Amino acid sequence: MDSIWDALRFARSASRHRISKRDITHVIVNYSVRFEQAPPPGGPASRSTRIVYLGEDLHGRRLEVMAVLGTDRELIVIHAMPLRRKYLALYPEEDAG
């Protein structure tokens, strides 16, 4: 587990695709791939670097989870959904089957 953050919070947008907090947390703790992604261009919410976690939830579904590091060292989950094709190539070959 990452030690740079002290707490886990969930933005309203994290539940948009109906992924449970329990499954999201499982992916963050047990990820297969973790990387940072530059923020998208645009409004004020896009200023923070995204931390992307790719992994399986408690049901074996491959998910993508995005979070940002908050000012109080909390990890704020902003996005969670089934793994999209654009991230599939980043998934470890032995896990992608």
PDB file of N, CA and C in Angstrom:
ATOM      1  N   MET A   1       0.839  -1.178   0.000  1.00  0.00           N
ATOM      2  CA  MET A   1       0.000   0.000   0.000  1.00  0.00           C
ATOM      3  C   MET A   1       0.883   1.240   0.000  1.00  0.00           C
ATOM      4  N   ASP A   2       0.424   2.294  -0.634  1.00  0.00           N
ATOM      5  CA  ASP A   2       1.188   3.531  -0.668  1.00  0.00           C
ATOM      6  C   ASP A   2       1.258   4.131   0.731  1.00  0.00           C
ATOM      7  N   SER A   3       2.417   4.648   1.099  1.00  0.00           N
ATOM      8  CA  SER A   3       2.565   5.241   2.416  1.00  0.00           C
ATOM      9  C   SER A   3       2.594   6.762   2.358  1.00  0.00           C
ATOM     10  N   ILE A   4       2.417   7.343   1.176  1.00  0.00           N
ATOM     11  CA  ILE A   4       2.456   8.802   1.063  1.00  0.00           C
ATOM     12  C   ILE A   4       1.133   9.440   1.456  1.00  0.00           C
ATOM     13  N   TRP A   5       0.096   8.631   1.693  1.00  0.00           N
ATOM     14  CA  TRP A   5      -1.190   9.192   2.083  1.00  0.00           C
ATOM     15  C   TRP A   5      -1.655   8.598   3.406  1.00  0.00           C
ATOM     16  N   ASP A   6      -2.450   9.377   4.128  1.00  0.00           N
ATOM     17  CA  ASP A   6      -2.885   9.000   5.473  1.00  0.00           C
ATOM     18  C   ASP A   6      -4.345   8.555   5.543  1.00  0.00           C
ATOM     19  N   ALA A   7      -5.157   8.934   4.575  1.00  0.00           N
ATOM     20  CA  ALA A   7      -6.581   8.602   4.617  1.00  0.00           C
ATOM     21  C   ALA A   7      -7.096   8.452   3.191  1.00  0.00           C
ATOM     22  N   LEU A   8      -8.224   7.788   3.059  1.00  0.00           N
ATOM     23  CA  LEU A   8      -8.848   7.573   1.763  1.00  0.00           C
ATOM     24  C   LEU A   8     -10.213   8.238   1.771  1.00  0.00           C
ATOM     25  N   ARG A   9     -10.465   9.075   0.769  1.00  0.00           N
ATOM     26  CA  ARG A   9     -11.757   9.746   0.619  1.00  0.00           C
ATOM     27  C   ARG A   9     -12.278   9.470  -0.778  1.00  0.00           C
ATOM     28  N   PHE A  10     -13.580   9.658  -0.950  1.00  0.00           N
ATOM     29  CA  PHE A  10     -14.213   9.388  -2.235  1.00  0.00           C
ATOM     30  C   PHE A  10     -14.983  10.622  -2.699  1.00  0.00           C
ATOM     31  N   ALA A  11     -14.613  11.143  -3.869  1.00  0.00           N
ATOM     32  CA  ALA A  11     -15.377  12.227  -4.476  1.00  0.00           C
ATOM     33  C   ALA A  11     -16.688  11.638  -5.007  1.00  0.00           C
ATOM     34  N   ARG A  12     -17.671  12.461  -5.170  1.00  0.00           N
ATOM     35  CA  ARG A  12     -18.960  12.010  -5.694  1.00  0.00           C
ATOM     36  C   ARG A  12     -18.793  11.336  -7.052  1.00  0.00           C
ATOM     37  N   SER A  13     -17.868  11.829  -7.848  1.00  0.00           N
ATOM     38  CA  SER A  13     -17.636  11.280  -9.193  1.00  0.00           C
ATOM     39  C   SER A  13     -17.131   9.835  -9.167  1.00  0.00           C
ATOM     40  N   ALA A  14     -16.582   9.388  -8.037  1.00  0.00           N
ATOM     41  CA  ALA A  14     -16.040   8.030  -7.945  1.00  0.00           C
ATOM     42  C   ALA A  14     -17.120   6.967  -8.085  1.00  0.00           C
ATOM     43  N   SER A  15     -18.357   7.306  -7.785  1.00  0.00           N
ATOM     44  CA  SER A  15     -19.436   6.314  -7.832  1.00  0.00           C
ATOM     45  C   SER A  15     -20.263   6.380  -9.117  1.00  0.00           C
ATOM     46  N   ARG A  16     -19.859   7.193 -10.039  1.00  0.00           N
ATOM     47  CA  ARG A  16     -20.606   7.380 -11.283  1.00  0.00           C
ATOM     48  C   ARG A  16     -20.881   6.073 -12.021  1.00  0.00           C
ATOM     49  N   HIS A  17     -19.933   5.151 -12.005  1.00  0.00           N
ATOM     50  CA  HIS A  17     -20.071   3.878 -12.732  1.00  0.00           C
ATOM     51  C   HIS A  17     -20.486   2.727 -11.818  1.00  0.00           C
ATOM     52  N   ARG A  18     -20.985   3.071 -10.639  1.00  0.00           N
ATOM     53  CA  ARG A  18     -21.539   2.095  -9.686  1.00  0.00           C
ATOM     54  C   ARG A  18     -20.541   1.035  -9.235  1.00  0.00           C
ATOM     55  N   ILE A  19     -19.304   1.465  -9.017  1.00  0.00           N
ATOM     56  CA  ILE A  19     -18.287   0.588  -8.445  1.00  0.00           C
ATOM     57  C   ILE A  19     -18.287   0.864  -6.938  1.00  0.00           C
ATOM     58  N   SER A  20     -18.359  -0.178  -6.130  1.00  0.00           N
ATOM     59  CA  SER A  20     -18.455   0.017  -4.679  1.00  0.00           C
ATOM     60  C   SER A  20     -17.137   0.534  -4.091  1.00  0.00           C
ATOM     61  N   LYS A  21     -17.241   1.232  -2.976  1.00  0.00           N
ATOM     62  CA  LYS A  21     -16.052   1.721  -2.277  1.00  0.00           C
ATOM     63  C   LYS A  21     -15.165   0.546  -1.852  1.00  0.00           C
ATOM     64  N   ARG A  22     -15.782  -0.544  -1.515  1.00  0.00           N
ATOM     65  CA  ARG A  22     -15.029  -1.734  -1.110  1.00  0.00           C
ATOM     66  C   ARG A  22     -14.186  -2.265  -2.274  1.00  0.00           C
ATOM     67  N   ASP A  23     -14.792  -2.327  -3.472  1.00  0.00           N
ATOM     68  CA  ASP A  23     -14.046  -2.791  -4.643  1.00  0.00           C
ATOM     69  C   ASP A  23     -12.962  -1.795  -5.041  1.00  0.00           C
ATOM     70  N   ILE A  24     -13.257  -0.516  -4.946  1.00  0.00           N
ATOM     71  CA  ILE A  24     -12.266   0.520  -5.256  1.00  0.00           C
ATOM     72  C   ILE A  24     -11.068   0.393  -4.315  1.00  0.00           C
ATOM     73  N   THR A  25     -11.352   0.267  -3.039  1.00  0.00           N
ATOM     74  CA  THR A  25     -10.284   0.142  -2.044  1.00  0.00           C
ATOM     75  C   THR A  25      -9.449  -1.101  -2.302  1.00  0.00           C
ATOM     76  N   HIS A  26     -10.092  -2.189  -2.677  1.00  0.00           N
ATOM     77  CA  HIS A  26      -9.372  -3.425  -2.979  1.00  0.00           C
ATOM     78  C   HIS A  26      -8.388  -3.220  -4.137  1.00  0.00           C
ATOM     79  N   VAL A  27      -8.819  -2.519  -5.171  1.00  0.00           N
ATOM     80  CA  VAL A  27      -7.932  -2.254  -6.312  1.00  0.00           C
ATOM     81  C   VAL A  27      -6.751  -1.388  -5.874  1.00  0.00           C
ATOM     82  N   ILE A  28      -6.997  -0.366  -5.070  1.00  0.00           N
ATOM     83  CA  ILE A  28      -5.913   0.518  -4.627  1.00  0.00           C
ATOM     84  C   ILE A  28      -4.880  -0.252  -3.795  1.00  0.00           C
ATOM     85  N   VAL A  29      -5.349  -1.122  -2.938  1.00  0.00           N
ATOM     86  CA  VAL A  29      -4.436  -1.873  -2.065  1.00  0.00           C
ATOM     87  C   VAL A  29      -3.727  -2.997  -2.810  1.00  0.00           C
ATOM     88  N   ASN A  30      -4.403  -3.595  -3.807  1.00  0.00           N
ATOM     89  CA  ASN A  30      -3.875  -4.787  -4.488  1.00  0.00           C
ATOM     90  C   ASN A  30      -3.657  -4.560  -5.987  1.00  0.00           C
ATOM     91  N   TYR A  31      -3.313  -3.371  -6.382  1.00  0.00           N
ATOM     92  CA  TYR A  31      -3.198  -3.045  -7.805  1.00  0.00           C
ATOM     93  C   TYR A  31      -2.155  -3.896  -8.524  1.00  0.00           C
ATOM     94  N   SER A  32      -2.371  -4.065  -9.839  1.00  0.00           N
ATOM     95  CA  SER A  32      -1.386  -4.716 -10.707  1.00  0.00           C
ATOM     96  C   SER A  32      -0.469  -3.686 -11.336  1.00  0.00           C
ATOM     97  N   VAL A  33      -1.016  -2.498 -11.627  1.00  0.00           N
ATOM     98  CA  VAL A  33      -0.266  -1.412 -12.253  1.00  0.00           C
ATOM     99  C   VAL A  33      -0.645  -0.108 -11.552  1.00  0.00           C
ATOM    100  N   ARG A  34       0.362   0.718 -11.281  1.00  0.00           N
ATOM    101  CA  ARG A  34       0.128   2.050 -10.713  1.00  0.00           C
ATOM    102  C   ARG A  34       1.042   3.019 -11.440  1.00  0.00           C
ATOM    103  N   PHE A  35       0.480   4.143 -11.865  1.00  0.00           N
ATOM    104  CA  PHE A  35       1.293   5.163 -12.521  1.00  0.00           C
ATOM    105  C   PHE A  35       0.640   6.524 -12.328  1.00  0.00           C
ATOM    106  N   GLU A  36       1.401   7.563 -12.615  1.00  0.00           N
ATOM    107  CA  GLU A  36       0.876   8.924 -12.530  1.00  0.00           C
ATOM    108  C   GLU A  36       0.595   9.418 -13.926  1.00  0.00           C
ATOM    109  N   GLN A  37      -0.447  10.226 -14.021  1.00  0.00           N
ATOM    110  CA  GLN A  37      -0.891  10.737 -15.306  1.00  0.00           C
ATOM    111  C   GLN A  37      -1.116  12.244 -15.173  1.00  0.00           C
ATOM    112  N   ALA A  38      -0.633  12.988 -16.145  1.00  0.00           N
ATOM    113  CA  ALA A  38      -0.815  14.442 -16.124  1.00  0.00           C
ATOM    114  C   ALA A  38      -2.292  14.790 -16.119  1.00  0.00           C
ATOM    115  N   PRO A  39      -2.645  15.887 -15.475  1.00  0.00           N
ATOM    116  CA  PRO A  39      -4.055  16.293 -15.460  1.00  0.00           C
ATOM    117  C   PRO A  39      -4.515  16.703 -16.852  1.00  0.00           C
ATOM    118  N   PRO A  40      -5.784  16.490 -17.134  1.00  0.00           N
ATOM    119  CA  PRO A  40      -6.300  16.932 -18.430  1.00  0.00           C
ATOM    120  C   PRO A  40      -6.344  18.455 -18.472  1.00  0.00           C
ATOM    121  N   PRO A  41      -6.265  19.037 -19.649  1.00  0.00           N
ATOM    122  CA  PRO A  41      -6.348  20.494 -19.744  1.00  0.00           C
ATOM    123  C   PRO A  41      -7.752  20.955 -19.386  1.00  0.00           C
ATOM    124  N   GLY A  42      -7.859  22.145 -18.838  1.00  0.00           N
ATOM    125  CA  GLY A  42      -9.190  22.667 -18.550  1.00  0.00           C
ATOM    126  C   GLY A  42      -9.308  23.288 -17.183  1.00  0.00           C
ATOM    127  N   GLY A  43     -10.497  23.157 -16.610  1.00  0.00           N
ATOM    128  CA  GLY A  43     -10.918  23.833 -15.387  1.00  0.00           C
ATOM    129  C   GLY A  43     -10.075  23.593 -14.157  1.00  0.00           C
ATOM    130  N   PRO A  44     -10.452  24.222 -13.060  1.00  0.00           N
ATOM    131  CA  PRO A  44      -9.665  24.184 -11.832  1.00  0.00           C
ATOM    132  C   PRO A  44      -9.529  22.792 -11.226  1.00  0.00           C
ATOM    133  N   ALA A  45     -10.476  21.895 -11.456  1.00  0.00           N
ATOM    134  CA  ALA A  45     -10.397  20.546 -10.895  1.00  0.00           C
ATOM    135  C   ALA A  45      -9.318  19.716 -11.582  1.00  0.00           C
ATOM    136  N   SER A  46      -8.774  20.223 -12.677  1.00  0.00           N
ATOM    137  CA  SER A  46      -7.820  19.436 -13.456  1.00  0.00           C
ATOM    138  C   SER A  46      -6.367  19.750 -13.124  1.00  0.00           C
ATOM    139  N   ARG A  47      -6.095  20.434 -12.048  1.00  0.00           N
ATOM    140  CA  ARG A  47      -4.734  20.858 -11.734  1.00  0.00           C
ATOM    141  C   ARG A  47      -3.857  19.767 -11.128  1.00  0.00           C
ATOM    142  N   SER A  48      -4.437  18.761 -10.542  1.00  0.00           N
ATOM    143  CA  SER A  48      -3.664  17.742  -9.826  1.00  0.00           C
ATOM    144  C   SER A  48      -3.306  16.564 -10.719  1.00  0.00           C
ATOM    145  N   THR A  49      -2.111  16.044 -10.511  1.00  0.00           N
ATOM    146  CA  THR A  49      -1.696  14.825 -11.196  1.00  0.00           C
ATOM    147  C   THR A  49      -2.568  13.675 -10.723  1.00  0.00           C
ATOM    148  N   ARG A  50      -2.994  12.848 -11.656  1.00  0.00           N
ATOM    149  CA  ARG A  50      -3.812  11.679 -11.327  1.00  0.00           C
ATOM    150  C   ARG A  50      -2.913  10.498 -10.990  1.00  0.00           C
ATOM    151  N   ILE A  51      -3.299   9.758  -9.986  1.00  0.00           N
ATOM    152  CA  ILE A  51      -2.647   8.495  -9.668  1.00  0.00           C
ATOM    153  C   ILE A  51      -3.604   7.427 -10.164  1.00  0.00           C
ATOM    154  N   VAL A  52      -3.146   6.612 -11.096  1.00  0.00           N
ATOM    155  CA  VAL A  52      -4.007   5.614 -11.733  1.00  0.00           C
ATOM    156  C   VAL A  52      -3.632   4.230 -11.214  1.00  0.00           C
ATOM    157  N   TYR A  53      -4.645   3.500 -10.789  1.00  0.00           N
ATOM    158  CA  TYR A  53      -4.480   2.127 -10.313  1.00  0.00           C
ATOM    159  C   TYR A  53      -5.270   1.220 -11.244  1.00  0.00           C
ATOM    160  N   LEU A  54      -4.634   0.176 -11.739  1.00  0.00           N
ATOM    161  CA  LEU A  54      -5.302  -0.832 -12.556  1.00  0.00           C
ATOM    162  C   LEU A  54      -5.209  -2.146 -11.800  1.00  0.00           C
ATOM    163  N   GLY A  55      -6.342  -2.818 -11.650  1.00  0.00           N
ATOM    164  CA  GLY A  55      -6.324  -4.079 -10.932  1.00  0.00           C
ATOM    165  C   GLY A  55      -7.696  -4.717 -10.893  1.00  0.00           C
ATOM    166  N   GLU A  56      -7.760  -5.869 -10.260  1.00  0.00           N
ATOM    167  CA  GLU A  56      -9.013  -6.609 -10.156  1.00  0.00           C
ATOM    168  C   GLU A  56      -9.718  -6.286  -8.851  1.00  0.00           C
ATOM    169  N   ASP A  57     -11.053  -6.192  -8.936  1.00  0.00           N
ATOM    170  CA  ASP A  57     -11.836  -5.986  -7.728  1.00  0.00           C
ATOM    171  C   ASP A  57     -12.075  -7.315  -7.027  1.00  0.00           C
ATOM    172  N   LEU A  58     -12.911  -7.333  -6.024  1.00  0.00           N
ATOM    173  CA  LEU A  58     -13.183  -8.549  -5.250  1.00  0.00           C
ATOM    174  C   LEU A  58     -13.889  -9.628  -6.053  1.00  0.00           C
ATOM    175  N   HIS A  59     -14.428  -9.257  -7.213  1.00  0.00           N
ATOM    176  CA  HIS A  59     -15.157 -10.198  -8.065  1.00  0.00           C
ATOM    177  C   HIS A  59     -14.349 -10.611  -9.294  1.00  0.00           C
ATOM    178  N   GLY A  60     -13.095 -10.167  -9.374  1.00  0.00           N
ATOM    179  CA  GLY A  60     -12.242 -10.514 -10.497  1.00  0.00           C
ATOM    180  C   GLY A  60     -12.414  -9.626 -11.713  1.00  0.00           C
ATOM    181  N   ARG A  61     -13.214  -8.553 -11.581  1.00  0.00           N
ATOM    182  CA  ARG A  61     -13.375  -7.599 -12.699  1.00  0.00           C
ATOM    183  C   ARG A  61     -12.170  -6.677 -12.729  1.00  0.00           C
ATOM    184  N   ARG A  62     -11.639  -6.446 -13.922  1.00  0.00           N
ATOM    185  CA  ARG A  62     -10.522  -5.511 -14.060  1.00  0.00           C
ATOM    186  C   ARG A  62     -11.060  -4.090 -14.063  1.00  0.00           C
ATOM    187  N   LEU A  63     -10.510  -3.265 -13.178  1.00  0.00           N
ATOM    188  CA  LEU A  63     -10.971  -1.888 -13.019  1.00  0.00           C
ATOM    189  C   LEU A  63      -9.826  -0.908 -13.201  1.00  0.00           C
ATOM    190  N   GLU A  64     -10.215   0.313 -13.511  1.00  0.00           N
ATOM    191  CA  GLU A  64      -9.291   1.447 -13.463  1.00  0.00           C
ATOM    192  C   GLU A  64      -9.816   2.384 -12.387  1.00  0.00           C
ATOM    193  N   VAL A  65      -8.922   2.841 -11.543  1.00  0.00           N
ATOM    194  CA  VAL A  65      -9.269   3.760 -10.453  1.00  0.00           C
ATOM    195  C   VAL A  65      -8.313   4.930 -10.535  1.00  0.00           C
ATOM    196  N   MET A  66      -8.858   6.153 -10.471  1.00  0.00           N
ATOM    197  CA  MET A  66      -8.014   7.349 -10.487  1.00  0.00           C
ATOM    198  C   MET A  66      -8.232   8.123  -9.200  1.00  0.00           C
ATOM    199  N   ALA A  67      -7.134   8.653  -8.687  1.00  0.00           N
ATOM    200  CA  ALA A  67      -7.190   9.427  -7.454  1.00  0.00           C
ATOM    201  C   ALA A  67      -6.210  10.592  -7.545  1.00  0.00           C
ATOM    202  N   VAL A  68      -6.395  11.534  -6.648  1.00  0.00           N
ATOM    203  CA  VAL A  68      -5.465  12.658  -6.515  1.00  0.00           C
ATOM    204  C   VAL A  68      -5.060  12.734  -5.050  1.00  0.00           C
ATOM    205  N   LEU A  69      -3.891  13.273  -4.800  1.00  0.00           N
ATOM    206  CA  LEU A  69      -3.419  13.448  -3.436  1.00  0.00           C
ATOM    207  C   LEU A  69      -3.910  14.796  -2.933  1.00  0.00           C
ATOM    208  N   GLY A  70      -4.660  14.786  -1.828  1.00  0.00           N
ATOM    209  CA  GLY A  70      -5.213  16.016  -1.269  1.00  0.00           C
ATOM    210  C   GLY A  70      -4.190  16.785  -0.456  1.00  0.00           C
ATOM    211  N   THR A  71      -4.557  17.975  -0.067  1.00  0.00           N
ATOM    212  CA  THR A  71      -3.637  18.846   0.678  1.00  0.00           C
ATOM    213  C   THR A  71      -3.350  18.342   2.084  1.00  0.00           C
ATOM    214  N   ASP A  72      -4.233  17.531   2.637  1.00  0.00           N
ATOM    215  CA  ASP A  72      -4.019  16.974   3.974  1.00  0.00           C
ATOM    216  C   ASP A  72      -3.514  15.537   3.916  1.00  0.00           C
ATOM    217  N   ARG A  73      -2.807  15.187   2.838  1.00  0.00           N
ATOM    218  CA  ARG A  73      -2.218  13.865   2.634  1.00  0.00           C
ATOM    219  C   ARG A  73      -3.248  12.757   2.521  1.00  0.00           C
ATOM    220  N   GLU A  74      -4.477  13.108   2.139  1.00  0.00           N
ATOM    221  CA  GLU A  74      -5.472  12.075   1.902  1.00  0.00           C
ATOM    222  C   GLU A  74      -5.501  11.748   0.416  1.00  0.00           C
ATOM    223  N   LEU A  75      -5.814  10.498   0.112  1.00  0.00           N
ATOM    224  CA  LEU A  75      -5.969  10.073  -1.266  1.00  0.00           C
ATOM    225  C   LEU A  75      -7.448  10.214  -1.588  1.00  0.00           C
ATOM    226  N   ILE A  76      -7.760  10.996  -2.607  1.00  0.00           N
ATOM    227  CA  ILE A  76      -9.152  11.256  -2.971  1.00  0.00           C
ATOM    228  C   ILE A  76      -9.445  10.547  -4.280  1.00  0.00           C
ATOM    229  N   VAL A  77     -10.309   9.545  -4.218  1.00  0.00           N
ATOM    230  CA  VAL A  77     -10.692   8.795  -5.410  1.00  0.00           C
ATOM    231  C   VAL A  77     -11.678   9.635  -6.209  1.00  0.00           C
ATOM    232  N   ILE A  78     -11.348   9.862  -7.484  1.00  0.00           N
ATOM    233  CA  ILE A  78     -12.202  10.709  -8.325  1.00  0.00           C
ATOM    234  C   ILE A  78     -12.858   9.947  -9.470  1.00  0.00           C
ATOM    235  N   HIS A  79     -12.428   8.686  -9.702  1.00  0.00           N
ATOM    236  CA  HIS A  79     -12.921   7.946 -10.866  1.00  0.00           C
ATOM    237  C   HIS A  79     -12.708   6.456 -10.643  1.00  0.00           C
ATOM    238  N   ALA A  80     -13.707   5.665 -11.016  1.00  0.00           N
ATOM    239  CA  ALA A  80     -13.569   4.206 -10.980  1.00  0.00           C
ATOM    240  C   ALA A  80     -14.545   3.620 -11.986  1.00  0.00           C
ATOM    241  N   MET A  81     -14.029   2.712 -12.820  1.00  0.00           N
ATOM    242  CA  MET A  81     -14.882   2.066 -13.813  1.00  0.00           C
ATOM    243  C   MET A  81     -14.192   0.813 -14.335  1.00  0.00           C
ATOM    244  N   PRO A  82     -14.942  -0.017 -15.071  1.00  0.00           N
ATOM    245  CA  PRO A  82     -14.300  -1.165 -15.705  1.00  0.00           C
ATOM    246  C   PRO A  82     -13.147  -0.695 -16.604  1.00  0.00           C
ATOM    247  N   LEU A  83     -12.109  -1.499 -16.673  1.00  0.00           N
ATOM    248  CA  LEU A  83     -10.903  -1.159 -17.435  1.00  0.00           C
ATOM    249  C   LEU A  83     -11.236  -0.889 -18.895  1.00  0.00           C
ATOM    250  N   ARG A  84     -10.813   0.268 -19.374  1.00  0.00           N
ATOM    251  CA  ARG A  84     -11.039   0.626 -20.777  1.00  0.00           C
ATOM    252  C   ARG A  84      -9.897   0.117 -21.640  1.00  0.00           C
ATOM    253  N   ARG A  85     -10.197  -0.001 -22.913  1.00  0.00           N
ATOM    254  CA  ARG A  85      -9.231  -0.501 -23.889  1.00  0.00           C
ATOM    255  C   ARG A  85      -7.933   0.301 -23.882  1.00  0.00           C
ATOM    256  N   LYS A  86      -8.014   1.614 -23.652  1.00  0.00           N
ATOM    257  CA  LYS A  86      -6.803   2.444 -23.697  1.00  0.00           C
ATOM    258  C   LYS A  86      -5.787   2.072 -22.621  1.00  0.00           C
ATOM    259  N   TYR A  87      -6.227   1.420 -21.542  1.00  0.00           N
ATOM    260  CA  TYR A  87      -5.317   0.999 -20.488  1.00  0.00           C
ATOM    261  C   TYR A  87      -4.954  -0.483 -20.567  1.00  0.00           C
ATOM    262  N   LEU A  88      -5.612  -1.218 -21.421  1.00  0.00           N
ATOM    263  CA  LEU A  88      -5.408  -2.658 -21.508  1.00  0.00           C
ATOM    264  C   LEU A  88      -3.949  -3.028 -21.795  1.00  0.00           C
ATOM    265  N   ALA A  89      -3.297  -2.276 -22.668  1.00  0.00           N
ATOM    266  CA  ALA A  89      -1.910  -2.577 -23.027  1.00  0.00           C
ATOM    267  C   ALA A  89      -0.955  -2.375 -21.838  1.00  0.00           C
ATOM    268  N   LEU A  90      -1.368  -1.607 -20.839  1.00  0.00           N
ATOM    269  CA  LEU A  90      -0.527  -1.370 -19.671  1.00  0.00           C
ATOM    270  C   LEU A  90      -0.659  -2.480 -18.624  1.00  0.00           C
ATOM    271  N   TYR A  91      -1.694  -3.281 -18.775  1.00  0.00           N
ATOM    272  CA  TYR A  91      -1.951  -4.369 -17.830  1.00  0.00           C
ATOM    273  C   TYR A  91      -0.914  -5.462 -18.032  1.00  0.00           C
ATOM    274  N   PRO A  92      -0.399  -6.066 -16.967  1.00  0.00           N
ATOM    275  CA  PRO A  92       0.578  -7.156 -17.144  1.00  0.00           C
ATOM    276  C   PRO A  92       0.006  -8.256 -18.017  1.00  0.00           C
ATOM    277  N   GLU A  93       0.824  -8.773 -18.925  1.00  0.00           N
ATOM    278  CA  GLU A  93       0.378  -9.769 -19.891  1.00  0.00           C
ATOM    279  C   GLU A  93      -0.267 -10.990 -19.236  1.00  0.00           C
ATOM    280  N   GLU A  94       0.309 -11.450 -18.126  1.00  0.00           N
ATOM    281  CA  GLU A  94      -0.240 -12.638 -17.469  1.00  0.00           C
ATOM    282  C   GLU A  94      -1.594 -12.359 -16.829  1.00  0.00           C
ATOM    283  N   ASP A  95      -1.916 -11.067 -16.547  1.00  0.00           N
ATOM    284  CA  ASP A  95      -3.202 -10.715 -15.949  1.00  0.00           C
ATOM    285  C   ASP A  95      -4.239 -10.292 -16.984  1.00  0.00           C
ATOM    286  N   ALA A  96      -3.824 -10.025 -18.217  1.00  0.00           N
ATOM    287  CA  ALA A  96      -4.721  -9.440 -19.211  1.00  0.00           C
ATOM    288  C   ALA A  96      -5.649 -10.460 -19.858  1.00  0.00           C
ATOM    289  N   GLY A  97      -5.428 -11.746 -19.676  1.00  0.00           N
ATOM    290  CA  GLY A  97      -6.197 -12.778 -20.330  1.00  0.00           C
ATOM    291  C   GLY A  97      -7.562 -12.883 -19.819  1.00  0.00           C
TER     292      GLY A  97
END
